[in-house]
Amino acid sequence: MARYLFPKWSNRVLPMVAAFVLAPLGTAAAGGLWYYGTNKHVEVGYTPTQPVDYSHKLHAGDLGIDCRYCHTAVDKSAQASVPATETCMNCHSKVKTDSQKLLPVRESYATGNPIPWVRVHNLADYAYFNHQAHATAGVACQSCHGRVDQMIKVSQAQPLSMGWCLDCHRNPEPNLRDPKDITKMVDETVPASVANLAAPPSQRKVSPPVHCSGCHR
């Protein structure tokens, strides 16, 4: 029977492949996952399809409807609240009453079943966030939600990650406005002080927590 003998150097092939091919590939994969697997790249830009083709650009932008008209609890409760169908029908009982796009709204109003809106901004269950605390402190809506008044379909504008929140908690003043102006939308490159929206000095004395129990309770 013939015997096949391999040269001694062939014993080093597998270790060399592992050292110079597999290890760099593994490092590159881990680095790519570490960088691109963050909220900034995974969640920013998330734009779910909603059951009703609602345009924030039309309502909040073109028509100038204040955020608090629909999100009534944003400065009164820990939750911003999803608008009730009755809020929609305040206008649409007389405006575009035959629109096919608004059929789900009319059906919801008639049956009492809520419209199944899809959540866009969804914090982890282990993170505590209070809308009232931020709104009454003067944190602008667009600081977290972006220029909603320009969005035909709402998408997530910020990563809402722990690091992103901590950056604001450590230096909140750039995001603080007079509480009455938190819903006003301005060019994001224009500081609140330049836009005459900055909170008066007496309202800038906030001390957001940076310890663990501030957000993890």
N, C-alpha and C. Protein backbone atom coordinates (compact mmCIF):
# COMPACT_ATOMS: atom_id res chain seq x y z
N MET A 1 0.86 -1.19 0.00
CA MET A 1 0.00 0.00 0.00
C MET A 1 0.90 1.25 0.00
N ALA A 2 0.56 2.22 -0.84
CA ALA A 2 1.37 3.43 -0.94
C ALA A 2 1.17 4.31 0.29
N ARG A 3 2.26 4.95 0.71
CA ARG A 3 2.21 5.84 1.88
C ARG A 3 2.43 7.28 1.38
N TYR A 4 1.60 8.18 1.91
CA TYR A 4 1.69 9.57 1.53
C TYR A 4 2.33 10.36 2.67
N LEU A 5 3.49 10.89 2.43
CA LEU A 5 4.21 11.63 3.46
C LEU A 5 4.16 13.13 3.14
N PHE A 6 3.78 13.92 4.14
CA PHE A 6 3.72 15.37 3.98
C PHE A 6 5.00 15.97 4.56
N PRO A 7 5.49 17.01 3.97
CA PRO A 7 6.69 17.65 4.53
C PRO A 7 6.40 18.24 5.91
N LYS A 8 7.45 18.39 6.71
CA LYS A 8 7.27 18.87 8.08
C LYS A 8 6.66 20.28 8.12
N TRP A 9 6.99 21.11 7.12
CA TRP A 9 6.47 22.48 7.16
C TRP A 9 4.95 22.54 7.07
N SER A 10 4.31 21.47 6.55
CA SER A 10 2.85 21.46 6.43
C SER A 10 2.17 21.48 7.80
N ASN A 11 2.90 21.07 8.85
CA ASN A 11 2.32 21.10 10.19
C ASN A 11 2.09 22.53 10.68
N ARG A 12 2.76 23.48 10.04
CA ARG A 12 2.61 24.88 10.48
C ARG A 12 1.55 25.63 9.68
N VAL A 13 0.95 24.98 8.71
CA VAL A 13 -0.04 25.66 7.86
C VAL A 13 -1.26 26.07 8.67
N LEU A 14 -1.84 25.12 9.42
CA LEU A 14 -3.07 25.41 10.17
C LEU A 14 -2.86 26.52 11.21
N PRO A 15 -1.80 26.46 12.02
CA PRO A 15 -1.57 27.56 12.96
C PRO A 15 -1.38 28.91 12.26
N MET A 16 -0.71 28.89 11.10
CA MET A 16 -0.50 30.14 10.39
C MET A 16 -1.81 30.68 9.83
N VAL A 17 -2.67 29.78 9.34
CA VAL A 17 -3.98 30.21 8.85
C VAL A 17 -4.79 30.82 9.99
N ALA A 18 -4.74 30.16 11.15
CA ALA A 18 -5.47 30.67 12.32
C ALA A 18 -4.93 32.03 12.74
N ALA A 19 -3.59 32.18 12.73
CA ALA A 19 -2.99 33.41 13.22
C ALA A 19 -3.14 34.57 12.25
N PHE A 20 -3.00 34.31 10.96
CA PHE A 20 -2.94 35.40 9.99
C PHE A 20 -4.21 35.58 9.16
N VAL A 21 -5.16 34.65 9.27
CA VAL A 21 -6.40 34.76 8.51
C VAL A 21 -7.61 34.81 9.44
N LEU A 22 -7.78 33.75 10.24
CA LEU A 22 -8.97 33.66 11.08
C LEU A 22 -8.98 34.72 12.18
N ALA A 23 -7.84 34.93 12.83
CA ALA A 23 -7.79 35.91 13.91
C ALA A 23 -8.09 37.33 13.42
N PRO A 24 -7.47 37.79 12.32
CA PRO A 24 -7.82 39.13 11.82
C PRO A 24 -9.28 39.25 11.40
N LEU A 25 -9.81 38.18 10.79
CA LEU A 25 -11.22 38.22 10.40
C LEU A 25 -12.12 38.30 11.62
N GLY A 26 -11.79 37.54 12.65
CA GLY A 26 -12.58 37.58 13.88
C GLY A 26 -12.51 38.94 14.55
N THR A 27 -11.30 39.53 14.55
CA THR A 27 -11.14 40.86 15.14
C THR A 27 -11.94 41.90 14.35
N ALA A 28 -11.89 41.80 13.03
CA ALA A 28 -12.64 42.75 12.20
C ALA A 28 -14.14 42.60 12.41
N ALA A 29 -14.61 41.35 12.53
CA ALA A 29 -16.04 41.11 12.75
C ALA A 29 -16.47 41.66 14.10
N ALA A 30 -15.66 41.42 15.14
CA ALA A 30 -15.99 41.92 16.47
C ALA A 30 -15.99 43.44 16.50
N GLY A 31 -14.99 44.04 15.81
CA GLY A 31 -14.93 45.50 15.76
C GLY A 31 -16.12 46.10 15.02
N GLY A 32 -16.50 45.44 13.91
CA GLY A 32 -17.65 45.92 13.15
C GLY A 32 -18.93 45.83 13.95
N LEU A 33 -19.09 44.72 14.69
CA LEU A 33 -20.28 44.55 15.53
C LEU A 33 -20.30 45.57 16.65
N TRP A 34 -19.13 45.83 17.25
CA TRP A 34 -19.04 46.79 18.35
C TRP A 34 -19.40 48.19 17.86
N TYR A 35 -18.98 48.54 16.64
CA TYR A 35 -19.23 49.89 16.13
C TYR A 35 -20.62 50.03 15.52
N TYR A 36 -20.98 49.10 14.65
CA TYR A 36 -22.23 49.23 13.92
C TYR A 36 -23.42 48.61 14.65
N GLY A 37 -23.15 47.82 15.70
CA GLY A 37 -24.25 47.20 16.43
C GLY A 37 -24.78 48.06 17.55
N THR A 38 -24.52 49.37 17.51
CA THR A 38 -24.99 50.28 18.54
C THR A 38 -26.31 50.92 18.14
N ASN A 39 -26.95 51.58 19.11
CA ASN A 39 -28.22 52.26 18.83
C ASN A 39 -28.09 53.26 17.70
N LYS A 40 -26.93 53.92 17.62
CA LYS A 40 -26.73 54.95 16.61
C LYS A 40 -26.92 54.40 15.21
N HIS A 41 -26.48 53.17 14.98
CA HIS A 41 -26.56 52.59 13.65
C HIS A 41 -27.74 51.63 13.48
N VAL A 42 -28.23 51.07 14.59
CA VAL A 42 -29.30 50.08 14.50
C VAL A 42 -30.67 50.72 14.62
N GLU A 43 -30.81 51.72 15.52
CA GLU A 43 -32.13 52.27 15.81
C GLU A 43 -32.40 53.62 15.16
N VAL A 44 -31.38 54.45 15.03
CA VAL A 44 -31.60 55.75 14.40
C VAL A 44 -32.06 55.55 12.95
N GLY A 45 -33.14 56.22 12.61
CA GLY A 45 -33.70 56.05 11.28
C GLY A 45 -34.85 55.06 11.22
N TYR A 46 -35.14 54.40 12.35
CA TYR A 46 -36.25 53.44 12.38
C TYR A 46 -37.55 54.16 12.05
N THR A 47 -38.24 53.71 11.00
CA THR A 47 -39.46 54.37 10.53
C THR A 47 -40.52 53.31 10.25
N PRO A 48 -41.27 52.92 11.27
CA PRO A 48 -42.27 51.87 11.04
C PRO A 48 -43.45 52.37 10.24
N THR A 49 -44.11 51.45 9.57
CA THR A 49 -45.34 51.77 8.84
C THR A 49 -46.50 51.83 9.84
N GLN A 50 -47.25 52.91 9.80
CA GLN A 50 -48.34 53.11 10.74
C GLN A 50 -49.68 52.69 10.12
N PRO A 51 -50.67 52.37 10.94
CA PRO A 51 -51.97 51.95 10.42
C PRO A 51 -52.73 53.08 9.71
N VAL A 52 -52.35 54.33 10.01
CA VAL A 52 -52.95 55.48 9.35
C VAL A 52 -51.82 56.33 8.77
N ASP A 53 -51.97 56.77 7.55
CA ASP A 53 -50.92 57.54 6.88
C ASP A 53 -50.94 58.98 7.40
N TYR A 54 -50.45 59.13 8.63
CA TYR A 54 -50.47 60.43 9.31
C TYR A 54 -49.17 61.17 9.05
N SER A 55 -49.26 62.44 8.68
CA SER A 55 -48.08 63.25 8.39
C SER A 55 -47.87 64.30 9.48
N HIS A 56 -46.78 64.16 10.23
CA HIS A 56 -46.44 65.19 11.20
C HIS A 56 -46.04 66.48 10.49
N LYS A 57 -45.46 66.36 9.31
CA LYS A 57 -45.09 67.57 8.57
C LYS A 57 -46.31 68.42 8.27
N LEU A 58 -47.41 67.78 7.88
CA LEU A 58 -48.63 68.51 7.59
C LEU A 58 -49.23 69.12 8.86
N HIS A 59 -49.38 68.29 9.88
CA HIS A 59 -50.10 68.74 11.08
C HIS A 59 -49.26 69.66 11.97
N ALA A 60 -48.04 69.19 12.33
CA ALA A 60 -47.19 69.99 13.23
C ALA A 60 -46.43 71.07 12.48
N GLY A 61 -46.10 70.80 11.21
CA GLY A 61 -45.32 71.76 10.44
C GLY A 61 -46.17 72.77 9.71
N ASP A 62 -46.87 72.31 8.66
CA ASP A 62 -47.64 73.23 7.81
C ASP A 62 -48.79 73.90 8.55
N LEU A 63 -49.51 73.12 9.37
CA LEU A 63 -50.67 73.67 10.08
C LEU A 63 -50.29 74.26 11.44
N GLY A 64 -49.09 73.94 11.92
CA GLY A 64 -48.60 74.54 13.17
C GLY A 64 -49.32 74.06 14.42
N ILE A 65 -49.85 72.84 14.40
CA ILE A 65 -50.52 72.32 15.60
C ILE A 65 -49.47 72.00 16.66
N ASP A 66 -49.66 72.50 17.85
CA ASP A 66 -48.71 72.28 18.95
C ASP A 66 -48.68 70.81 19.34
N CYS A 67 -47.49 70.31 19.66
CA CYS A 67 -47.33 68.91 20.04
C CYS A 67 -48.29 68.51 21.15
N ARG A 68 -48.50 69.43 22.09
CA ARG A 68 -49.30 69.12 23.28
C ARG A 68 -50.79 69.01 22.99
N TYR A 69 -51.22 69.43 21.80
CA TYR A 69 -52.63 69.27 21.46
C TYR A 69 -52.98 67.79 21.33
N CYS A 70 -52.06 67.02 20.75
CA CYS A 70 -52.29 65.58 20.57
C CYS A 70 -51.67 64.78 21.72
N HIS A 71 -50.44 65.13 22.08
CA HIS A 71 -49.76 64.41 23.17
C HIS A 71 -50.02 65.19 24.46
N THR A 72 -51.23 65.04 24.97
CA THR A 72 -51.72 65.90 26.05
C THR A 72 -51.00 65.70 27.37
N ALA A 73 -50.41 64.55 27.59
CA ALA A 73 -49.82 64.26 28.91
C ALA A 73 -48.31 64.45 28.94
N VAL A 74 -47.74 65.00 27.87
CA VAL A 74 -46.28 65.05 27.78
C VAL A 74 -45.64 65.85 28.91
N ASP A 75 -46.33 66.86 29.43
CA ASP A 75 -45.79 67.65 30.52
C ASP A 75 -46.56 67.45 31.82
N LYS A 76 -47.36 66.38 31.86
CA LYS A 76 -48.17 66.10 33.04
C LYS A 76 -48.00 64.69 33.58
N SER A 77 -47.36 63.83 32.80
CA SER A 77 -47.27 62.42 33.17
C SER A 77 -45.92 61.86 32.75
N ALA A 78 -45.58 60.71 33.32
CA ALA A 78 -44.33 60.04 32.94
C ALA A 78 -44.39 59.58 31.50
N GLN A 79 -45.59 59.35 30.97
CA GLN A 79 -45.77 58.89 29.60
C GLN A 79 -46.28 60.04 28.72
N ALA A 80 -45.77 60.12 27.48
CA ALA A 80 -46.19 61.18 26.58
C ALA A 80 -47.64 61.00 26.14
N SER A 81 -48.10 59.77 26.11
CA SER A 81 -49.45 59.37 25.71
C SER A 81 -49.65 59.39 24.20
N VAL A 82 -50.37 58.41 23.72
CA VAL A 82 -50.75 58.34 22.31
C VAL A 82 -52.11 59.03 22.17
N PRO A 83 -52.28 59.87 21.17
CA PRO A 83 -53.56 60.58 21.03
C PRO A 83 -54.75 59.64 20.92
N ALA A 84 -55.79 59.96 21.63
CA ALA A 84 -57.03 59.21 21.50
C ALA A 84 -57.68 59.53 20.16
N THR A 85 -58.46 58.59 19.66
CA THR A 85 -59.14 58.81 18.37
C THR A 85 -60.04 60.04 18.43
N GLU A 86 -60.60 60.31 19.61
CA GLU A 86 -61.46 61.48 19.75
C GLU A 86 -60.71 62.77 19.43
N THR A 87 -59.40 62.80 19.72
CA THR A 87 -58.60 63.98 19.40
C THR A 87 -58.54 64.19 17.89
N CYS A 88 -58.36 63.10 17.16
CA CYS A 88 -58.35 63.19 15.69
C CYS A 88 -59.69 63.69 15.17
N MET A 89 -60.75 63.17 15.77
CA MET A 89 -62.08 63.48 15.28
C MET A 89 -62.53 64.89 15.65
N ASN A 90 -61.82 65.56 16.55
CA ASN A 90 -62.14 66.96 16.82
C ASN A 90 -62.11 67.77 15.53
N CYS A 91 -61.17 67.42 14.66
CA CYS A 91 -61.07 68.10 13.37
C CYS A 91 -61.75 67.29 12.27
N HIS A 92 -61.48 65.98 12.27
CA HIS A 92 -61.88 65.18 11.11
C HIS A 92 -63.34 64.74 11.13
N SER A 93 -64.11 65.20 12.10
CA SER A 93 -65.55 65.04 12.00
C SER A 93 -66.12 66.03 10.99
N LYS A 94 -65.27 67.04 10.65
CA LYS A 94 -65.70 68.05 9.67
C LYS A 94 -64.72 68.21 8.51
N VAL A 95 -63.50 67.73 8.69
CA VAL A 95 -62.46 67.90 7.67
C VAL A 95 -62.17 66.55 7.02
N LYS A 96 -62.25 66.49 5.71
CA LYS A 96 -61.97 65.26 4.95
C LYS A 96 -62.77 64.07 5.50
N THR A 97 -64.04 64.26 5.63
CA THR A 97 -64.91 63.24 6.23
C THR A 97 -65.09 62.01 5.35
N ASP A 98 -64.75 62.12 4.06
CA ASP A 98 -64.91 60.97 3.15
C ASP A 98 -63.57 60.37 2.72
N SER A 99 -62.49 60.83 3.31
CA SER A 99 -61.16 60.35 2.92
C SER A 99 -60.99 58.87 3.25
N GLN A 100 -60.55 58.09 2.26
CA GLN A 100 -60.29 56.68 2.48
C GLN A 100 -59.12 56.47 3.43
N LYS A 101 -58.15 57.40 3.41
CA LYS A 101 -57.01 57.29 4.31
C LYS A 101 -57.44 57.37 5.77
N LEU A 102 -58.54 58.06 6.01
CA LEU A 102 -59.01 58.25 7.38
C LEU A 102 -60.07 57.24 7.79
N LEU A 103 -60.32 56.26 6.95
CA LEU A 103 -61.31 55.24 7.27
C LEU A 103 -60.99 54.53 8.59
N PRO A 104 -59.72 54.13 8.85
CA PRO A 104 -59.41 53.48 10.14
C PRO A 104 -59.72 54.37 11.35
N VAL A 105 -59.59 55.68 11.16
CA VAL A 105 -59.88 56.61 12.25
C VAL A 105 -61.38 56.63 12.53
N ARG A 106 -62.18 56.70 11.47
CA ARG A 106 -63.64 56.73 11.64
C ARG A 106 -64.13 55.41 12.22
N GLU A 107 -63.53 54.30 11.78
CA GLU A 107 -63.93 52.99 12.32
C GLU A 107 -63.57 52.88 13.79
N SER A 108 -62.41 53.38 14.16
CA SER A 108 -61.99 53.37 15.55
C SER A 108 -62.95 54.18 16.41
N TYR A 109 -63.35 55.32 15.89
CA TYR A 109 -64.27 56.20 16.63
C TYR A 109 -65.64 55.55 16.79
N ALA A 110 -66.07 54.85 15.74
CA ALA A 110 -67.40 54.22 15.77
C ALA A 110 -67.43 53.00 16.68
N THR A 111 -66.34 52.22 16.70
CA THR A 111 -66.32 50.97 17.45
C THR A 111 -65.75 51.12 18.86
N GLY A 112 -64.99 52.19 19.08
CA GLY A 112 -64.35 52.36 20.38
C GLY A 112 -63.04 51.61 20.51
N ASN A 113 -62.62 50.94 19.42
CA ASN A 113 -61.34 50.22 19.45
C ASN A 113 -60.21 51.19 19.09
N PRO A 114 -59.15 51.23 19.89
CA PRO A 114 -58.07 52.19 19.61
C PRO A 114 -57.33 51.87 18.32
N ILE A 115 -56.79 52.88 17.70
CA ILE A 115 -55.95 52.69 16.52
C ILE A 115 -54.64 52.04 16.96
N PRO A 116 -54.21 50.96 16.33
CA PRO A 116 -52.99 50.26 16.76
C PRO A 116 -51.72 50.94 16.26
N TRP A 117 -51.45 52.14 16.78
CA TRP A 117 -50.23 52.86 16.39
C TRP A 117 -49.00 52.04 16.77
N VAL A 118 -47.96 52.16 15.97
CA VAL A 118 -46.71 51.44 16.22
C VAL A 118 -45.73 52.38 16.92
N ARG A 119 -45.23 51.96 18.06
CA ARG A 119 -44.29 52.79 18.82
C ARG A 119 -43.00 52.99 18.03
N VAL A 120 -42.53 54.22 17.99
CA VAL A 120 -41.27 54.55 17.31
C VAL A 120 -40.13 54.61 18.31
N HIS A 121 -40.32 55.35 19.39
CA HIS A 121 -39.28 55.52 20.41
C HIS A 121 -39.59 54.57 21.56
N ASN A 122 -38.75 53.57 21.71
CA ASN A 122 -39.04 52.50 22.66
C ASN A 122 -37.82 52.26 23.56
N LEU A 123 -37.86 52.78 24.77
CA LEU A 123 -36.77 52.55 25.71
C LEU A 123 -36.87 51.16 26.31
N ALA A 124 -35.73 50.64 26.75
CA ALA A 124 -35.71 49.33 27.39
C ALA A 124 -36.52 49.38 28.68
N ASP A 125 -37.12 48.24 29.04
CA ASP A 125 -37.96 48.19 30.24
C ASP A 125 -37.18 48.52 31.52
N TYR A 126 -35.88 48.28 31.50
CA TYR A 126 -35.09 48.52 32.71
C TYR A 126 -34.64 49.98 32.84
N ALA A 127 -35.01 50.82 31.88
CA ALA A 127 -34.65 52.24 31.94
C ALA A 127 -35.88 53.06 32.31
N TYR A 128 -35.77 53.86 33.35
CA TYR A 128 -36.88 54.71 33.80
C TYR A 128 -36.75 56.09 33.16
N PHE A 129 -37.81 56.54 32.52
CA PHE A 129 -37.81 57.86 31.90
C PHE A 129 -39.13 58.54 32.21
N ASN A 130 -39.05 59.80 32.60
CA ASN A 130 -40.24 60.57 32.95
C ASN A 130 -40.36 61.78 32.03
N HIS A 131 -41.38 61.78 31.18
CA HIS A 131 -41.57 62.89 30.25
C HIS A 131 -41.84 64.20 30.99
N GLN A 132 -42.64 64.13 32.03
CA GLN A 132 -43.00 65.35 32.75
C GLN A 132 -41.76 66.05 33.31
N ALA A 133 -40.86 65.26 33.89
CA ALA A 133 -39.65 65.85 34.48
C ALA A 133 -38.83 66.59 33.44
N HIS A 134 -38.73 66.02 32.25
CA HIS A 134 -37.93 66.64 31.20
C HIS A 134 -38.64 67.85 30.59
N ALA A 135 -39.94 67.72 30.37
CA ALA A 135 -40.70 68.82 29.75
C ALA A 135 -40.77 70.03 30.67
N THR A 136 -41.03 69.80 31.95
CA THR A 136 -41.13 70.92 32.88
C THR A 136 -39.77 71.55 33.17
N ALA A 137 -38.69 70.79 32.96
CA ALA A 137 -37.35 71.35 33.12
C ALA A 137 -36.96 72.20 31.92
N GLY A 138 -37.69 72.05 30.82
CA GLY A 138 -37.43 72.86 29.64
C GLY A 138 -36.65 72.16 28.55
N VAL A 139 -36.61 70.83 28.56
CA VAL A 139 -35.92 70.09 27.49
C VAL A 139 -36.79 70.14 26.24
N ALA A 140 -36.24 70.65 25.15
CA ALA A 140 -37.01 70.81 23.92
C ALA A 140 -37.38 69.46 23.32
N CYS A 141 -38.57 69.38 22.74
CA CYS A 141 -39.02 68.14 22.10
C CYS A 141 -38.02 67.68 21.04
N GLN A 142 -37.51 68.64 20.25
CA GLN A 142 -36.65 68.26 19.13
C GLN A 142 -35.29 67.76 19.61
N SER A 143 -34.92 68.02 20.87
CA SER A 143 -33.65 67.51 21.38
C SER A 143 -33.62 65.99 21.35
N CYS A 144 -34.76 65.38 21.59
CA CYS A 144 -34.85 63.91 21.59
C CYS A 144 -35.50 63.37 20.32
N HIS A 145 -36.47 64.10 19.79
CA HIS A 145 -37.27 63.57 18.68
C HIS A 145 -36.91 64.15 17.32
N GLY A 146 -36.00 65.14 17.28
CA GLY A 146 -35.63 65.72 16.01
C GLY A 146 -36.70 66.65 15.46
N ARG A 147 -36.54 67.07 14.21
CA ARG A 147 -37.47 67.99 13.57
C ARG A 147 -38.71 67.23 13.10
N VAL A 148 -39.55 66.90 14.05
CA VAL A 148 -40.77 66.15 13.74
C VAL A 148 -41.66 66.92 12.78
N ASP A 149 -41.57 68.25 12.85
CA ASP A 149 -42.41 69.07 11.98
C ASP A 149 -42.03 68.95 10.52
N GLN A 150 -40.91 68.28 10.22
CA GLN A 150 -40.48 68.07 8.84
C GLN A 150 -40.61 66.61 8.41
N MET A 151 -41.16 65.78 9.28
CA MET A 151 -41.25 64.34 9.01
C MET A 151 -42.64 63.97 8.49
N ILE A 152 -42.68 63.49 7.26
CA ILE A 152 -43.95 62.94 6.75
C ILE A 152 -44.25 61.65 7.49
N LYS A 153 -43.22 60.83 7.70
CA LYS A 153 -43.33 59.65 8.54
C LYS A 153 -42.32 59.79 9.67
N VAL A 154 -42.77 59.66 10.88
CA VAL A 154 -41.89 59.86 12.02
C VAL A 154 -40.85 58.75 12.09
N SER A 155 -39.60 59.14 12.28
CA SER A 155 -38.52 58.18 12.45
C SER A 155 -37.72 58.55 13.69
N GLN A 156 -36.97 57.61 14.20
CA GLN A 156 -36.15 57.86 15.38
C GLN A 156 -34.93 58.68 14.98
N ALA A 157 -34.75 59.84 15.61
CA ALA A 157 -33.69 60.76 15.23
C ALA A 157 -32.45 60.64 16.10
N GLN A 158 -32.59 60.13 17.32
CA GLN A 158 -31.47 60.04 18.25
C GLN A 158 -31.35 58.60 18.75
N PRO A 159 -30.14 58.19 19.20
CA PRO A 159 -29.95 56.79 19.61
C PRO A 159 -30.66 56.42 20.90
N LEU A 160 -30.93 57.40 21.78
CA LEU A 160 -31.58 57.13 23.08
C LEU A 160 -30.80 56.10 23.88
N SER A 161 -29.51 56.06 23.69
CA SER A 161 -28.66 55.12 24.43
C SER A 161 -28.28 55.72 25.78
N MET A 162 -27.71 54.90 26.65
CA MET A 162 -27.31 55.38 27.97
C MET A 162 -26.25 56.48 27.84
N GLY A 163 -25.27 56.28 26.96
CA GLY A 163 -24.23 57.28 26.78
C GLY A 163 -24.79 58.59 26.27
N TRP A 164 -25.75 58.50 25.34
CA TRP A 164 -26.36 59.71 24.78
C TRP A 164 -27.13 60.47 25.86
N CYS A 165 -27.86 59.75 26.70
CA CYS A 165 -28.60 60.40 27.80
C CYS A 165 -27.63 61.03 28.80
N LEU A 166 -26.56 60.32 29.13
CA LEU A 166 -25.60 60.84 30.10
C LEU A 166 -24.91 62.10 29.59
N ASP A 167 -24.66 62.18 28.29
CA ASP A 167 -24.06 63.39 27.74
C ASP A 167 -24.91 64.61 28.05
N CYS A 168 -26.22 64.45 27.95
CA CYS A 168 -27.13 65.56 28.24
C CYS A 168 -27.22 65.80 29.74
N HIS A 169 -27.27 64.73 30.53
CA HIS A 169 -27.37 64.90 31.99
C HIS A 169 -26.14 65.61 32.55
N ARG A 170 -24.99 65.38 31.93
CA ARG A 170 -23.76 66.02 32.41
C ARG A 170 -23.65 67.47 31.96
N ASN A 171 -24.31 67.79 30.85
CA ASN A 171 -24.28 69.17 30.34
C ASN A 171 -25.64 69.50 29.73
N PRO A 172 -26.66 69.71 30.57
CA PRO A 172 -28.02 69.88 30.05
C PRO A 172 -28.31 71.25 29.45
N GLU A 173 -27.54 72.26 29.80
CA GLU A 173 -27.91 73.63 29.44
C GLU A 173 -28.14 73.85 27.94
N PRO A 174 -27.35 73.26 27.02
CA PRO A 174 -27.62 73.50 25.59
C PRO A 174 -29.00 73.04 25.15
N ASN A 175 -29.62 72.12 25.91
CA ASN A 175 -30.93 71.60 25.52
C ASN A 175 -32.08 72.23 26.30
N LEU A 176 -31.78 73.18 27.16
CA LEU A 176 -32.83 73.78 28.00
C LEU A 176 -33.41 75.03 27.35
N ARG A 177 -34.73 75.10 27.41
CA ARG A 177 -35.45 76.28 26.91
C ARG A 177 -36.39 76.76 28.00
N ASP A 178 -37.00 77.89 27.72
CA ASP A 178 -38.13 78.30 28.55
C ASP A 178 -39.21 77.22 28.35
N PRO A 179 -39.75 76.63 29.41
CA PRO A 179 -40.72 75.53 29.27
C PRO A 179 -41.88 75.83 28.33
N LYS A 180 -42.26 77.09 28.20
CA LYS A 180 -43.38 77.41 27.29
C LYS A 180 -42.99 77.26 25.82
N ASP A 181 -41.67 77.14 25.56
CA ASP A 181 -41.19 77.07 24.18
C ASP A 181 -40.66 75.70 23.79
N ILE A 182 -40.89 74.67 24.60
CA ILE A 182 -40.26 73.38 24.32
C ILE A 182 -40.78 72.75 23.03
N THR A 183 -41.98 73.10 22.59
CA THR A 183 -42.52 72.48 21.38
C THR A 183 -42.18 73.24 20.10
N LYS A 184 -41.54 74.38 20.22
CA LYS A 184 -41.18 75.15 19.03
C LYS A 184 -40.01 74.49 18.32
N MET A 185 -40.11 74.39 17.01
CA MET A 185 -39.08 73.74 16.21
C MET A 185 -38.24 74.80 15.49
N VAL A 186 -36.93 74.66 15.61
CA VAL A 186 -36.03 75.59 14.95
C VAL A 186 -34.90 74.80 14.30
N ASP A 187 -34.14 75.47 13.45
CA ASP A 187 -32.98 74.85 12.82
C ASP A 187 -32.08 74.30 13.91
N GLU A 188 -31.73 73.02 13.82
CA GLU A 188 -30.97 72.36 14.88
C GLU A 188 -29.57 72.93 15.05
N THR A 189 -29.10 73.69 14.06
CA THR A 189 -27.77 74.29 14.18
C THR A 189 -27.82 75.63 14.90
N VAL A 190 -29.02 76.13 15.19
CA VAL A 190 -29.17 77.42 15.85
C VAL A 190 -29.33 77.19 17.35
N PRO A 191 -28.42 77.71 18.18
CA PRO A 191 -28.55 77.56 19.64
C PRO A 191 -29.82 78.22 20.15
N ALA A 192 -30.34 77.69 21.25
CA ALA A 192 -31.57 78.24 21.82
C ALA A 192 -31.41 79.71 22.17
N SER A 193 -30.21 80.10 22.60
CA SER A 193 -29.99 81.50 22.98
C SER A 193 -30.12 82.42 21.77
N VAL A 194 -29.65 81.96 20.61
CA VAL A 194 -29.74 82.76 19.39
C VAL A 194 -31.19 82.84 18.91
N ALA A 195 -31.93 81.76 19.10
CA ALA A 195 -33.33 81.72 18.66
C ALA A 195 -34.28 82.34 19.67
N ASN A 196 -33.71 82.95 20.73
CA ASN A 196 -34.52 83.57 21.79
C ASN A 196 -35.45 82.57 22.46
N LEU A 197 -34.98 81.34 22.60
CA LEU A 197 -35.77 80.31 23.25
C LEU A 197 -35.12 79.82 24.54
N ALA A 198 -33.95 80.36 24.86
CA ALA A 198 -33.22 79.88 26.02
C ALA A 198 -34.00 80.14 27.30
N ALA A 199 -33.89 79.19 28.23
CA ALA A 199 -34.56 79.35 29.51
C ALA A 199 -33.91 80.48 30.30
N PRO A 200 -34.70 81.26 31.04
CA PRO A 200 -34.10 82.28 31.89
C PRO A 200 -33.17 81.64 32.92
N PRO A 201 -32.18 82.39 33.43
CA PRO A 201 -31.21 81.83 34.39
C PRO A 201 -31.86 81.12 35.57
N SER A 202 -32.99 81.64 36.03
CA SER A 202 -33.64 81.05 37.20
C SER A 202 -34.18 79.64 36.92
N GLN A 203 -34.36 79.31 35.63
CA GLN A 203 -34.91 78.01 35.27
C GLN A 203 -33.84 77.04 34.76
N ARG A 204 -32.58 77.46 34.77
CA ARG A 204 -31.52 76.60 34.27
C ARG A 204 -30.86 75.79 35.38
N LYS A 205 -31.28 76.01 36.60
CA LYS A 205 -30.65 75.32 37.73
C LYS A 205 -31.26 73.94 37.90
N VAL A 206 -30.89 73.03 37.03
CA VAL A 206 -31.36 71.65 37.11
C VAL A 206 -30.17 70.76 37.43
N SER A 207 -30.45 69.68 38.12
CA SER A 207 -29.39 68.73 38.50
C SER A 207 -29.80 67.32 38.11
N PRO A 208 -29.77 67.01 36.81
CA PRO A 208 -30.17 65.66 36.38
C PRO A 208 -29.22 64.62 36.95
N PRO A 209 -29.74 63.48 37.37
CA PRO A 209 -28.90 62.46 37.99
C PRO A 209 -27.94 61.81 37.00
N VAL A 210 -26.78 61.48 37.48
CA VAL A 210 -25.80 60.73 36.67
C VAL A 210 -25.42 59.42 37.35
N HIS A 211 -26.09 59.14 38.48
CA HIS A 211 -25.85 57.86 39.16
C HIS A 211 -26.83 56.82 38.63
N CYS A 212 -26.52 55.56 38.87
CA CYS A 212 -27.27 54.45 38.28
C CYS A 212 -28.76 54.49 38.62
N SER A 213 -29.07 54.78 39.89
CA SER A 213 -30.47 54.71 40.33
C SER A 213 -31.32 55.82 39.73
N GLY A 214 -30.69 56.81 39.08
CA GLY A 214 -31.49 57.84 38.44
C GLY A 214 -32.34 57.31 37.32
N CYS A 215 -31.85 56.32 36.60
CA CYS A 215 -32.58 55.75 35.46
C CYS A 215 -32.90 54.26 35.63
N HIS A 216 -32.22 53.60 36.55
CA HIS A 216 -32.46 52.17 36.78
C HIS A 216 -32.96 51.98 38.19
N ARG A 217 -34.28 51.82 38.32
CA ARG A 217 -34.90 51.77 39.64
C ARG A 217 -35.53 50.41 39.92
